[in-house]
């Protein structure tokens, strides 16, 4: 398979923007959405731990509730698919064991060959927990998945809008996350821009290359 050309990559990244108004009548086709879900699953994470859940919301009533918990911003209600990125709280040995078991299942290796990996992973988590940065470390991983999701969507011509202006506790309550080991971190609306979204034609503002790229 041929890689995407440089021109296509840069064109699509220039095309994307934080869409403010979506066309509620346009829905993402199932095949395209399946590809975007796979892009989420394939997102990289530290030690491969995948400390997350991606809650995909398409139910109109739930979307209305999430809009109310997003300071009345229209994107959750108007978009085709609304994704809530949740992080695993207080990552523990049970999650590590689940990850190890999945490695055994996928790669067909003996579990005992992963003992050093398992021990190293647990020590890293214990150190981060003792230093009070475990949840922060895991939360950072969620943003890697968010970036991959947005870039992937742009490549297939689907608009997105990342959203941190949301009430996290209310999101957890609406989605039933408050009784789980996961909590909302950020969200992202996906769909197709409305014809009257003025920001679609606004020039993208970025610092010049020499201001942000340092070569050593």
N, C-alpha and C. Protein backbone atom coordinates (compact mmCIF):
# COMPACT_ATOMS: atom_id res chain seq x y z
N UNK A 1 0.84 -1.19 0.00
CA UNK A 1 0.00 0.00 0.00
C UNK A 1 0.88 1.25 0.00
N UNK A 2 0.56 2.19 -0.86
CA UNK A 2 1.33 3.42 -0.96
C UNK A 2 1.01 4.36 0.19
N UNK A 3 2.02 4.97 0.79
CA UNK A 3 1.76 5.97 1.83
C UNK A 3 1.01 7.17 1.25
N UNK A 4 0.33 7.90 2.12
CA UNK A 4 -0.33 9.13 1.69
C UNK A 4 0.73 10.12 1.26
N UNK A 5 0.48 10.85 0.19
CA UNK A 5 1.47 11.81 -0.31
C UNK A 5 1.62 12.99 0.65
N UNK A 6 2.76 13.65 0.57
CA UNK A 6 2.99 14.85 1.38
C UNK A 6 1.92 15.90 1.11
N UNK A 7 1.59 16.06 -0.17
CA UNK A 7 0.60 17.07 -0.55
C UNK A 7 -0.76 16.77 0.07
N UNK A 8 -1.17 15.49 0.03
CA UNK A 8 -2.46 15.11 0.60
C UNK A 8 -2.47 15.34 2.11
N UNK A 9 -1.40 14.91 2.77
CA UNK A 9 -1.30 15.09 4.22
C UNK A 9 -1.47 16.55 4.62
N UNK A 10 -0.68 17.41 4.00
CA UNK A 10 -0.71 18.82 4.37
C UNK A 10 -2.02 19.49 3.96
N UNK A 11 -2.57 19.07 2.83
CA UNK A 11 -3.85 19.64 2.40
C UNK A 11 -4.94 19.33 3.41
N UNK A 12 -5.01 18.10 3.87
CA UNK A 12 -6.07 17.71 4.80
C UNK A 12 -5.87 18.35 6.18
N UNK A 13 -4.63 18.50 6.60
CA UNK A 13 -4.39 19.14 7.90
C UNK A 13 -4.69 20.63 7.83
N UNK A 14 -4.48 21.23 6.67
CA UNK A 14 -4.87 22.63 6.48
C UNK A 14 -6.39 22.76 6.36
N UNK A 15 -7.03 21.75 5.81
CA UNK A 15 -8.49 21.75 5.62
C UNK A 15 -9.22 21.69 6.96
N UNK A 16 -8.68 20.91 7.90
CA UNK A 16 -9.38 20.72 9.18
C UNK A 16 -9.30 21.99 10.02
N UNK A 17 -10.30 22.15 10.85
CA UNK A 17 -10.34 23.24 11.82
C UNK A 17 -11.30 22.82 12.93
N UNK A 18 -11.29 23.53 14.02
CA UNK A 18 -12.19 23.21 15.13
C UNK A 18 -13.60 23.66 14.75
N UNK A 19 -14.35 22.75 14.20
CA UNK A 19 -15.67 23.06 13.65
C UNK A 19 -16.63 23.54 14.74
N UNK A 20 -17.20 24.69 14.52
CA UNK A 20 -18.09 25.28 15.52
C UNK A 20 -19.55 24.90 15.30
N UNK A 21 -19.96 24.78 14.04
CA UNK A 21 -21.34 24.41 13.73
C UNK A 21 -21.33 23.23 12.76
N UNK A 22 -22.01 22.18 13.16
CA UNK A 22 -22.12 20.99 12.32
C UNK A 22 -23.48 20.96 11.63
N UNK A 23 -23.53 20.25 10.52
CA UNK A 23 -24.79 20.03 9.81
C UNK A 23 -25.47 18.82 10.45
N UNK A 24 -26.53 19.02 11.24
CA UNK A 24 -27.15 17.90 11.95
C UNK A 24 -27.82 16.88 11.03
N UNK A 25 -28.04 17.25 9.78
CA UNK A 25 -28.70 16.35 8.84
C UNK A 25 -27.73 15.34 8.23
N UNK A 26 -26.43 15.62 8.34
CA UNK A 26 -25.44 14.73 7.72
C UNK A 26 -24.84 13.79 8.76
N UNK A 27 -24.91 12.53 8.49
CA UNK A 27 -24.39 11.52 9.40
C UNK A 27 -23.17 10.82 8.78
N UNK A 28 -22.22 10.48 9.60
CA UNK A 28 -21.03 9.78 9.13
C UNK A 28 -21.41 8.36 8.71
N UNK A 29 -21.07 7.94 7.49
CA UNK A 29 -21.38 6.57 7.05
C UNK A 29 -20.74 5.53 7.97
N UNK A 30 -21.39 4.39 8.08
CA UNK A 30 -20.92 3.34 8.99
C UNK A 30 -19.48 2.92 8.71
N UNK A 31 -19.14 2.78 7.43
CA UNK A 31 -17.78 2.33 7.09
C UNK A 31 -16.74 3.35 7.53
N UNK A 32 -17.04 4.63 7.35
CA UNK A 32 -16.10 5.68 7.78
C UNK A 32 -16.00 5.69 9.29
N UNK A 33 -17.12 5.54 9.97
CA UNK A 33 -17.06 5.57 11.43
C UNK A 33 -16.30 4.36 11.97
N UNK A 34 -16.49 3.21 11.34
CA UNK A 34 -15.74 2.03 11.76
C UNK A 34 -14.24 2.28 11.67
N UNK A 35 -13.81 2.93 10.59
CA UNK A 35 -12.39 3.23 10.42
C UNK A 35 -11.90 4.16 11.53
N UNK A 36 -12.71 5.14 11.90
CA UNK A 36 -12.31 6.07 12.96
C UNK A 36 -12.27 5.38 14.32
N UNK A 37 -13.18 4.46 14.56
CA UNK A 37 -13.11 3.69 15.80
C UNK A 37 -11.83 2.86 15.85
N UNK A 38 -11.46 2.30 14.70
CA UNK A 38 -10.22 1.52 14.66
C UNK A 38 -9.00 2.42 14.89
N UNK A 39 -9.08 3.66 14.40
CA UNK A 39 -7.99 4.61 14.65
C UNK A 39 -7.84 4.88 16.14
N UNK A 40 -8.96 4.94 16.85
CA UNK A 40 -8.90 5.10 18.30
C UNK A 40 -8.26 3.88 18.96
N UNK A 41 -8.68 2.71 18.54
CA UNK A 41 -8.13 1.48 19.11
C UNK A 41 -6.63 1.38 18.86
N UNK A 42 -6.18 1.87 17.71
CA UNK A 42 -4.77 1.78 17.33
C UNK A 42 -3.91 2.90 17.93
N UNK A 43 -4.51 3.80 18.67
CA UNK A 43 -3.74 4.91 19.25
C UNK A 43 -2.66 4.38 20.20
N UNK A 44 -1.46 4.97 20.15
CA UNK A 44 -0.39 4.54 21.03
C UNK A 44 -0.59 5.04 22.46
N UNK A 45 0.00 4.32 23.40
CA UNK A 45 -0.04 4.75 24.80
C UNK A 45 1.22 4.27 25.51
N UNK A 46 1.56 4.90 26.60
CA UNK A 46 2.76 4.55 27.35
C UNK A 46 2.69 3.10 27.82
N UNK A 47 3.71 2.34 27.52
CA UNK A 47 3.83 0.91 27.85
C UNK A 47 2.68 0.12 27.23
N UNK A 48 1.95 0.74 26.30
CA UNK A 48 0.85 0.06 25.64
C UNK A 48 -0.34 -0.21 26.54
N UNK A 49 -0.48 0.54 27.65
CA UNK A 49 -1.48 0.21 28.66
C UNK A 49 -2.91 0.59 28.29
N UNK A 50 -3.06 1.50 27.34
CA UNK A 50 -4.40 1.88 26.87
C UNK A 50 -5.36 2.17 28.04
N UNK A 51 -5.04 3.19 28.84
CA UNK A 51 -5.81 3.44 30.06
C UNK A 51 -7.08 4.24 29.80
N UNK A 52 -7.91 3.79 28.88
CA UNK A 52 -9.00 4.64 28.45
C UNK A 52 -10.26 3.87 28.06
N UNK A 53 -11.35 4.63 27.95
CA UNK A 53 -12.57 4.20 27.30
C UNK A 53 -12.99 5.34 26.37
N UNK A 54 -13.55 4.98 25.23
CA UNK A 54 -14.06 5.97 24.30
C UNK A 54 -15.58 5.78 24.22
N UNK A 55 -16.32 6.71 24.77
CA UNK A 55 -17.77 6.61 24.80
C UNK A 55 -18.33 7.33 23.57
N UNK A 56 -18.91 6.57 22.66
CA UNK A 56 -19.44 7.13 21.41
C UNK A 56 -20.93 7.39 21.59
N UNK A 57 -21.30 8.65 21.46
CA UNK A 57 -22.69 9.05 21.71
C UNK A 57 -23.37 9.44 20.39
N UNK A 58 -24.45 8.75 20.08
CA UNK A 58 -25.27 9.11 18.92
C UNK A 58 -26.74 9.29 19.30
N UNK A 59 -27.12 8.88 20.50
CA UNK A 59 -28.50 9.02 20.96
C UNK A 59 -28.85 10.50 21.08
N UNK A 60 -29.87 10.97 20.35
CA UNK A 60 -30.21 12.40 20.36
C UNK A 60 -30.49 12.95 21.76
N UNK A 61 -31.19 12.18 22.60
CA UNK A 61 -31.52 12.67 23.93
C UNK A 61 -30.27 12.84 24.80
N UNK A 62 -29.36 11.90 24.68
CA UNK A 62 -28.11 12.00 25.45
C UNK A 62 -27.28 13.18 24.94
N UNK A 63 -27.27 13.38 23.65
CA UNK A 63 -26.53 14.51 23.07
C UNK A 63 -27.08 15.84 23.57
N UNK A 64 -28.39 15.94 23.71
CA UNK A 64 -29.00 17.16 24.24
C UNK A 64 -28.52 17.39 25.68
N UNK A 65 -28.51 16.33 26.47
CA UNK A 65 -28.04 16.45 27.86
C UNK A 65 -26.58 16.86 27.92
N UNK A 66 -25.76 16.32 27.02
CA UNK A 66 -24.34 16.66 27.01
C UNK A 66 -24.13 18.10 26.55
N UNK A 67 -25.00 18.58 25.66
CA UNK A 67 -24.90 19.99 25.27
C UNK A 67 -25.15 20.88 26.49
N UNK A 68 -26.14 20.54 27.29
CA UNK A 68 -26.43 21.33 28.49
C UNK A 68 -25.25 21.33 29.46
N UNK A 69 -24.47 20.23 29.45
CA UNK A 69 -23.30 20.13 30.32
C UNK A 69 -22.03 20.62 29.63
N UNK A 70 -22.20 21.29 28.48
CA UNK A 70 -21.07 21.85 27.72
C UNK A 70 -21.26 23.35 27.55
N UNK A 71 -21.87 23.96 28.56
CA UNK A 71 -22.09 25.41 28.54
C UNK A 71 -22.88 25.82 27.30
N UNK A 72 -23.81 24.93 26.91
CA UNK A 72 -24.73 25.18 25.80
C UNK A 72 -24.05 25.32 24.44
N UNK A 73 -22.82 24.87 24.33
CA UNK A 73 -22.17 24.86 23.02
C UNK A 73 -22.93 23.87 22.12
N UNK A 74 -23.12 24.19 20.84
CA UNK A 74 -24.00 23.37 20.00
C UNK A 74 -23.39 22.08 19.48
N UNK A 75 -22.07 21.96 19.51
CA UNK A 75 -21.44 20.81 18.84
C UNK A 75 -21.93 19.45 19.31
N UNK A 76 -22.09 19.21 20.62
CA UNK A 76 -22.52 17.86 21.03
C UNK A 76 -23.86 17.45 20.44
N UNK A 77 -24.76 18.39 20.29
CA UNK A 77 -26.08 18.08 19.77
C UNK A 77 -26.11 18.02 18.25
N UNK A 78 -25.38 18.90 17.59
CA UNK A 78 -25.47 19.01 16.14
C UNK A 78 -24.60 18.01 15.38
N UNK A 79 -23.54 17.52 16.00
CA UNK A 79 -22.63 16.64 15.28
C UNK A 79 -23.25 15.27 15.03
N UNK A 80 -22.60 14.48 14.20
CA UNK A 80 -23.06 13.12 13.91
C UNK A 80 -22.73 12.18 15.06
N UNK A 81 -21.46 12.16 15.46
CA UNK A 81 -20.98 11.29 16.53
C UNK A 81 -20.20 12.14 17.54
N UNK A 82 -20.49 11.95 18.81
CA UNK A 82 -19.80 12.70 19.86
C UNK A 82 -19.03 11.70 20.70
N UNK A 83 -17.72 11.89 20.79
CA UNK A 83 -16.86 10.94 21.50
C UNK A 83 -16.38 11.55 22.81
N UNK A 84 -16.61 10.85 23.88
CA UNK A 84 -16.12 11.26 25.20
C UNK A 84 -14.92 10.39 25.56
N UNK A 85 -13.81 11.03 25.82
CA UNK A 85 -12.56 10.34 26.14
C UNK A 85 -12.43 10.25 27.66
N UNK A 86 -12.46 9.04 28.17
CA UNK A 86 -12.40 8.82 29.61
C UNK A 86 -11.12 8.08 29.98
N UNK A 87 -10.58 8.40 31.14
CA UNK A 87 -9.33 7.78 31.58
C UNK A 87 -9.62 6.81 32.73
N UNK A 88 -8.81 5.77 32.81
CA UNK A 88 -8.90 4.80 33.90
C UNK A 88 -8.29 5.41 35.16
N UNK A 89 -9.07 5.53 36.20
CA UNK A 89 -8.59 6.12 37.45
C UNK A 89 -7.75 5.11 38.22
N UNK A 90 -6.70 5.62 38.86
CA UNK A 90 -5.88 4.80 39.76
C UNK A 90 -5.55 3.45 39.13
N UNK A 91 -4.87 3.51 38.01
CA UNK A 91 -4.51 2.30 37.26
C UNK A 91 -3.85 1.28 38.20
N UNK A 92 -4.34 0.05 38.18
CA UNK A 92 -3.90 -0.92 39.17
C UNK A 92 -3.35 -2.19 38.53
N UNK A 93 -2.99 -3.14 39.40
CA UNK A 93 -2.39 -4.39 38.94
C UNK A 93 -3.36 -5.19 38.08
N UNK A 94 -4.66 -5.08 38.36
CA UNK A 94 -5.65 -5.83 37.58
C UNK A 94 -5.64 -5.38 36.11
N UNK A 95 -5.46 -4.07 35.89
CA UNK A 95 -5.40 -3.57 34.51
C UNK A 95 -4.13 -4.07 33.82
N UNK A 96 -3.03 -4.08 34.55
CA UNK A 96 -1.77 -4.58 33.98
C UNK A 96 -1.92 -6.05 33.62
N UNK A 97 -2.57 -6.81 34.49
CA UNK A 97 -2.76 -8.24 34.23
C UNK A 97 -3.61 -8.44 32.97
N UNK A 98 -4.61 -7.60 32.82
CA UNK A 98 -5.47 -7.67 31.62
C UNK A 98 -4.65 -7.40 30.37
N UNK A 99 -3.75 -6.42 30.46
CA UNK A 99 -2.90 -6.08 29.31
C UNK A 99 -1.96 -7.25 28.98
N UNK A 100 -1.38 -7.84 30.00
CA UNK A 100 -0.47 -8.97 29.79
C UNK A 100 -1.23 -10.14 29.15
N UNK A 101 -2.41 -10.41 29.65
CA UNK A 101 -3.21 -11.50 29.08
C UNK A 101 -3.55 -11.24 27.61
N UNK A 102 -3.78 -9.99 27.28
CA UNK A 102 -4.08 -9.65 25.88
C UNK A 102 -2.85 -9.85 24.99
N UNK A 103 -1.66 -9.53 25.51
CA UNK A 103 -0.43 -9.78 24.75
C UNK A 103 -0.29 -11.27 24.47
N UNK A 104 -0.54 -12.08 25.49
CA UNK A 104 -0.47 -13.53 25.32
C UNK A 104 -1.44 -14.00 24.25
N UNK A 105 -2.66 -13.46 24.29
CA UNK A 105 -3.69 -13.85 23.33
C UNK A 105 -3.33 -13.46 21.90
N UNK A 106 -2.84 -12.23 21.73
CA UNK A 106 -2.60 -11.71 20.38
C UNK A 106 -1.30 -12.26 19.78
N UNK A 107 -0.26 -12.32 20.60
CA UNK A 107 1.06 -12.70 20.08
C UNK A 107 1.38 -14.18 20.24
N UNK A 108 0.56 -14.88 21.00
CA UNK A 108 0.77 -16.31 21.15
C UNK A 108 2.03 -16.68 21.91
N UNK A 109 2.43 -15.82 22.86
CA UNK A 109 3.61 -16.09 23.66
C UNK A 109 3.20 -16.68 25.01
N UNK A 110 4.16 -17.33 25.66
CA UNK A 110 3.91 -17.88 26.99
C UNK A 110 3.88 -16.74 28.01
N UNK A 111 2.95 -16.80 28.94
CA UNK A 111 2.79 -15.71 29.90
C UNK A 111 4.03 -15.50 30.75
N UNK A 112 4.74 -16.59 31.05
CA UNK A 112 5.93 -16.45 31.90
C UNK A 112 7.03 -15.63 31.23
N UNK A 113 7.02 -15.55 29.90
CA UNK A 113 8.04 -14.75 29.21
C UNK A 113 7.80 -13.25 29.40
N UNK A 114 6.65 -12.88 29.92
CA UNK A 114 6.31 -11.47 30.11
C UNK A 114 6.47 -11.04 31.57
N UNK A 115 7.05 -11.88 32.39
CA UNK A 115 7.15 -11.57 33.82
C UNK A 115 7.98 -10.32 34.08
N UNK A 116 9.09 -10.15 33.35
CA UNK A 116 9.92 -8.96 33.55
C UNK A 116 9.16 -7.70 33.13
N UNK A 117 8.45 -7.80 32.00
CA UNK A 117 7.64 -6.68 31.54
C UNK A 117 6.57 -6.34 32.57
N UNK A 118 5.90 -7.35 33.07
CA UNK A 118 4.85 -7.14 34.07
C UNK A 118 5.41 -6.45 35.31
N UNK A 119 6.56 -6.93 35.80
CA UNK A 119 7.17 -6.34 36.99
C UNK A 119 7.59 -4.90 36.76
N UNK A 120 8.20 -4.63 35.61
CA UNK A 120 8.61 -3.26 35.29
C UNK A 120 7.42 -2.32 35.24
N UNK A 121 6.34 -2.79 34.62
CA UNK A 121 5.15 -1.96 34.50
C UNK A 121 4.56 -1.65 35.87
N UNK A 122 4.44 -2.64 36.72
CA UNK A 122 3.90 -2.42 38.06
C UNK A 122 4.77 -1.47 38.87
N UNK A 123 6.07 -1.59 38.73
CA UNK A 123 6.97 -0.67 39.45
C UNK A 123 6.78 0.77 38.97
N UNK A 124 6.64 0.94 37.66
CA UNK A 124 6.42 2.28 37.12
C UNK A 124 5.12 2.89 37.66
N UNK A 125 4.07 2.08 37.70
CA UNK A 125 2.79 2.58 38.21
C UNK A 125 2.89 2.89 39.71
N UNK A 126 3.56 2.02 40.45
CA UNK A 126 3.71 2.25 41.89
C UNK A 126 4.50 3.53 42.16
N UNK A 127 5.52 3.77 41.36
CA UNK A 127 6.34 4.98 41.54
C UNK A 127 5.50 6.22 41.23
N UNK A 128 4.78 6.16 40.13
CA UNK A 128 3.94 7.30 39.77
C UNK A 128 2.86 7.55 40.82
N UNK A 129 2.30 6.48 41.37
CA UNK A 129 1.27 6.62 42.40
C UNK A 129 1.87 7.24 43.67
N UNK A 130 3.04 6.79 44.06
CA UNK A 130 3.69 7.32 45.26
C UNK A 130 4.05 8.78 45.11
N UNK A 131 4.34 9.20 43.88
CA UNK A 131 4.69 10.59 43.62
C UNK A 131 3.47 11.46 43.32
N UNK A 132 2.28 10.86 43.37
CA UNK A 132 1.05 11.61 43.16
C UNK A 132 0.80 12.04 41.74
N UNK A 133 1.37 11.33 40.77
CA UNK A 133 1.20 11.75 39.37
C UNK A 133 0.63 10.64 38.49
N UNK A 134 0.11 9.60 39.09
CA UNK A 134 -0.38 8.47 38.29
C UNK A 134 -1.53 8.88 37.39
N UNK A 135 -2.56 9.50 37.96
CA UNK A 135 -3.72 9.87 37.14
C UNK A 135 -3.35 10.92 36.10
N UNK A 136 -2.45 11.84 36.45
CA UNK A 136 -2.02 12.85 35.48
C UNK A 136 -1.29 12.19 34.32
N UNK A 137 -0.43 11.24 34.63
CA UNK A 137 0.31 10.51 33.59
C UNK A 137 -0.66 9.82 32.64
N UNK A 138 -1.65 9.15 33.19
CA UNK A 138 -2.59 8.43 32.35
C UNK A 138 -3.46 9.39 31.54
N UNK A 139 -3.82 10.52 32.16
CA UNK A 139 -4.63 11.50 31.44
C UNK A 139 -3.90 12.01 30.19
N UNK A 140 -2.58 12.17 30.30
CA UNK A 140 -1.80 12.62 29.14
C UNK A 140 -1.95 11.65 27.97
N UNK A 141 -2.11 10.37 28.28
CA UNK A 141 -2.23 9.38 27.21
C UNK A 141 -3.50 9.60 26.39
N UNK A 142 -4.55 10.06 27.06
CA UNK A 142 -5.83 10.27 26.39
C UNK A 142 -5.69 11.31 25.27
N UNK A 143 -4.84 12.31 25.50
CA UNK A 143 -4.68 13.35 24.49
C UNK A 143 -3.94 12.83 23.26
N UNK A 144 -3.12 11.80 23.44
CA UNK A 144 -2.50 11.17 22.28
C UNK A 144 -3.58 10.55 21.39
N UNK A 145 -4.53 9.86 22.04
CA UNK A 145 -5.63 9.25 21.29
C UNK A 145 -6.50 10.32 20.62
N UNK A 146 -6.74 11.42 21.32
CA UNK A 146 -7.52 12.50 20.74
C UNK A 146 -6.85 13.05 19.47
N UNK A 147 -5.54 13.29 19.54
CA UNK A 147 -4.82 13.79 18.38
C UNK A 147 -4.89 12.83 17.21
N UNK A 148 -4.72 11.54 17.49
CA UNK A 148 -4.78 10.56 16.41
C UNK A 148 -6.18 10.53 15.79
N UNK A 149 -7.20 10.62 16.63
CA UNK A 149 -8.57 10.61 16.14
C UNK A 149 -8.83 11.79 15.21
N UNK A 150 -8.42 12.99 15.61
CA UNK A 150 -8.67 14.18 14.81
C UNK A 150 -7.91 14.14 13.50
N UNK A 151 -6.65 13.71 13.54
CA UNK A 151 -5.87 13.63 12.31
C UNK A 151 -6.44 12.58 11.36
N UNK A 152 -6.87 11.46 11.91
CA UNK A 152 -7.46 10.40 11.09
C UNK A 152 -8.76 10.88 10.44
N UNK A 153 -9.56 11.58 11.22
CA UNK A 153 -10.81 12.11 10.68
C UNK A 153 -10.54 13.07 9.52
N UNK A 154 -9.55 13.93 9.69
CA UNK A 154 -9.21 14.89 8.63
C UNK A 154 -8.81 14.16 7.36
N UNK A 155 -8.09 13.07 7.51
CA UNK A 155 -7.62 12.34 6.33
C UNK A 155 -8.75 11.73 5.52
N UNK A 156 -9.88 11.47 6.16
CA UNK A 156 -11.00 10.89 5.42
C UNK A 156 -12.13 11.91 5.22
N UNK A 157 -11.81 13.19 5.45
CA UNK A 157 -12.76 14.25 5.14
C UNK A 157 -13.88 14.44 6.13
N UNK A 158 -13.61 14.10 7.39
CA UNK A 158 -14.62 14.27 8.45
C UNK A 158 -14.17 15.36 9.40
N UNK A 159 -15.07 16.26 9.72
CA UNK A 159 -14.77 17.39 10.59
C UNK A 159 -14.82 16.99 12.06
N UNK A 160 -14.03 17.69 12.85
CA UNK A 160 -14.02 17.44 14.29
C UNK A 160 -13.89 18.74 15.06
N UNK A 161 -14.21 18.67 16.34
CA UNK A 161 -13.98 19.79 17.25
C UNK A 161 -13.66 19.24 18.63
N UNK A 162 -12.41 19.39 19.09
CA UNK A 162 -12.08 18.94 20.44
C UNK A 162 -12.71 19.89 21.45
N UNK A 163 -13.16 19.35 22.58
CA UNK A 163 -13.88 20.17 23.55
C UNK A 163 -13.41 19.88 24.98
N UNK A 164 -12.80 20.89 25.58
CA UNK A 164 -12.48 20.84 27.01
C UNK A 164 -13.45 21.69 27.82
N UNK A 165 -14.23 22.53 27.14
CA UNK A 165 -15.20 23.38 27.82
C UNK A 165 -16.45 22.60 28.17
N UNK A 166 -16.28 21.61 29.03
CA UNK A 166 -17.38 20.73 29.42
C UNK A 166 -17.33 20.54 30.93
N UNK A 167 -18.47 20.19 31.50
CA UNK A 167 -18.54 19.94 32.94
C UNK A 167 -18.30 18.45 33.18
N UNK A 168 -17.10 18.12 33.62
CA UNK A 168 -16.65 16.74 33.69
C UNK A 168 -17.54 15.88 34.59
N UNK A 169 -17.87 16.38 35.77
CA UNK A 169 -18.68 15.59 36.70
C UNK A 169 -20.07 15.32 36.12
N UNK A 170 -20.64 16.30 35.44
CA UNK A 170 -21.96 16.11 34.83
C UNK A 170 -21.88 15.10 33.69
N UNK A 171 -20.80 15.14 32.92
CA UNK A 171 -20.62 14.15 31.86
C UNK A 171 -20.58 12.75 32.47
N UNK A 172 -19.81 12.58 33.54
CA UNK A 172 -19.72 11.27 34.19
C UNK A 172 -21.09 10.79 34.65
N UNK A 173 -21.88 11.72 35.18
CA UNK A 173 -23.22 11.36 35.66
C UNK A 173 -24.13 10.97 34.50
N UNK A 174 -24.14 11.76 33.44
CA UNK A 174 -25.00 11.49 32.29
C UNK A 174 -24.66 10.15 31.63
N UNK A 175 -23.37 9.85 31.55
CA UNK A 175 -22.91 8.66 30.84
C UNK A 175 -22.77 7.44 31.74
N UNK A 176 -23.06 7.60 33.03
CA UNK A 176 -22.96 6.48 33.95
C UNK A 176 -21.54 6.11 34.32
N UNK A 177 -20.60 7.02 34.07
CA UNK A 177 -19.20 6.73 34.36
C UNK A 177 -18.89 6.85 35.85
N UNK A 178 -19.71 7.57 36.58
CA UNK A 178 -19.42 7.84 37.99
C UNK A 178 -19.41 6.57 38.84
N UNK A 179 -20.02 5.50 38.35
CA UNK A 179 -20.02 4.24 39.10
C UNK A 179 -19.02 3.25 38.52
N UNK A 180 -18.13 3.75 37.66
CA UNK A 180 -17.10 2.90 37.05
C UNK A 180 -15.71 3.37 37.49
N UNK A 181 -14.69 2.74 36.94
CA UNK A 181 -13.31 3.13 37.22
C UNK A 181 -12.81 4.19 36.25
N UNK A 182 -13.71 4.78 35.46
CA UNK A 182 -13.30 5.74 34.43
C UNK A 182 -13.95 7.09 34.67
N UNK A 183 -13.28 8.14 34.21
CA UNK A 183 -13.80 9.49 34.36
C UNK A 183 -13.49 10.31 33.11
N UNK A 184 -14.39 11.23 32.78
CA UNK A 184 -14.25 12.05 31.59
C UNK A 184 -13.03 12.96 31.67
N UNK A 185 -12.32 13.08 30.53
CA UNK A 185 -11.17 13.98 30.43
C UNK A 185 -11.46 15.08 29.40
N UNK A 186 -11.91 14.68 28.23
CA UNK A 186 -12.10 15.61 27.12
C UNK A 186 -13.10 14.97 26.17
N UNK A 187 -13.62 15.74 25.24
CA UNK A 187 -14.58 15.19 24.27
C UNK A 187 -14.24 15.70 22.88
N UNK A 188 -14.84 15.08 21.88
CA UNK A 188 -14.61 15.53 20.50
C UNK A 188 -15.85 15.26 19.67
N UNK A 189 -16.35 16.30 19.05
CA UNK A 189 -17.48 16.17 18.14
C UNK A 189 -16.97 15.82 16.74
N UNK A 190 -17.71 14.99 16.04
CA UNK A 190 -17.32 14.58 14.68
C UNK A 190 -18.54 14.59 13.76
N UNK A 191 -18.32 15.02 12.55
CA UNK A 191 -19.41 15.07 11.58
C UNK A 191 -19.01 15.90 10.38
N UNK A 192 -19.92 16.75 9.92
CA UNK A 192 -19.65 17.57 8.74
C UNK A 192 -20.04 19.02 9.02
N UNK A 193 -19.17 19.92 8.64
CA UNK A 193 -19.38 21.34 8.90
C UNK A 193 -20.66 21.86 8.26
N UNK A 194 -21.31 22.76 8.96
CA UNK A 194 -22.50 23.42 8.42
C UNK A 194 -22.07 24.41 7.35
N UNK A 195 -22.93 24.62 6.38
CA UNK A 195 -22.62 25.52 5.27
C UNK A 195 -22.39 26.95 5.75
N UNK A 196 -23.02 27.31 6.87
CA UNK A 196 -22.91 28.69 7.35
C UNK A 196 -21.92 28.85 8.50
N UNK A 197 -21.07 27.85 8.73
CA UNK A 197 -20.04 28.00 9.77
C UNK A 197 -18.95 28.93 9.24
N UNK A 198 -18.92 30.12 9.73
CA UNK A 198 -18.00 31.14 9.20
C UNK A 198 -16.55 30.78 9.41
N UNK A 199 -16.27 29.94 10.38
CA UNK A 199 -14.88 29.59 10.66
C UNK A 199 -14.29 28.64 9.62
N UNK A 200 -15.14 28.05 8.79
CA UNK A 200 -14.65 27.11 7.78
C UNK A 200 -13.75 27.80 6.76
N UNK A 201 -13.97 29.08 6.53
CA UNK A 201 -13.18 29.82 5.53
C UNK A 201 -12.21 30.80 6.16
N UNK A 202 -12.13 30.78 7.48
CA UNK A 202 -11.18 31.66 8.16
C UNK A 202 -9.77 31.11 8.02
N UNK A 203 -8.83 31.96 7.68
CA UNK A 203 -7.46 31.49 7.49
C UNK A 203 -6.89 30.93 8.80
N UNK A 204 -6.18 29.83 8.67
CA UNK A 204 -5.55 29.19 9.82
C UNK A 204 -4.35 30.03 10.26
N UNK A 205 -4.26 30.31 11.54
CA UNK A 205 -3.16 31.13 12.07
C UNK A 205 -2.20 30.24 12.85
N UNK A 206 -0.99 30.17 12.38
CA UNK A 206 0.06 29.42 13.07
C UNK A 206 1.35 30.24 13.06
N UNK A 207 2.19 30.05 14.06
CA UNK A 207 3.48 30.71 14.04
C UNK A 207 4.32 30.19 12.87
N UNK A 208 5.26 30.97 12.44
CA UNK A 208 6.13 30.56 11.34
C UNK A 208 6.99 29.37 11.79
N UNK A 209 7.41 28.60 10.79
CA UNK A 209 8.22 27.42 11.06
C UNK A 209 9.43 27.73 11.92
N UNK A 210 10.12 28.82 11.59
CA UNK A 210 11.35 29.15 12.33
C UNK A 210 11.08 29.54 13.78
N UNK A 211 9.82 29.85 14.09
CA UNK A 211 9.48 30.24 15.46
C UNK A 211 9.20 29.03 16.36
N UNK A 212 8.90 27.88 15.75
CA UNK A 212 8.51 26.73 16.57
C UNK A 212 9.34 25.47 16.32
N UNK A 213 10.05 25.42 15.20
CA UNK A 213 10.89 24.26 14.90
C UNK A 213 12.33 24.58 15.26
N UNK A 214 12.91 23.76 16.11
CA UNK A 214 14.30 23.93 16.53
C UNK A 214 15.08 22.71 16.04
N UNK A 215 16.09 22.93 15.24
CA UNK A 215 16.90 21.82 14.72
C UNK A 215 18.25 21.82 15.42
N UNK A 216 18.65 20.67 15.91
CA UNK A 216 19.94 20.57 16.63
C UNK A 216 20.77 19.43 16.04
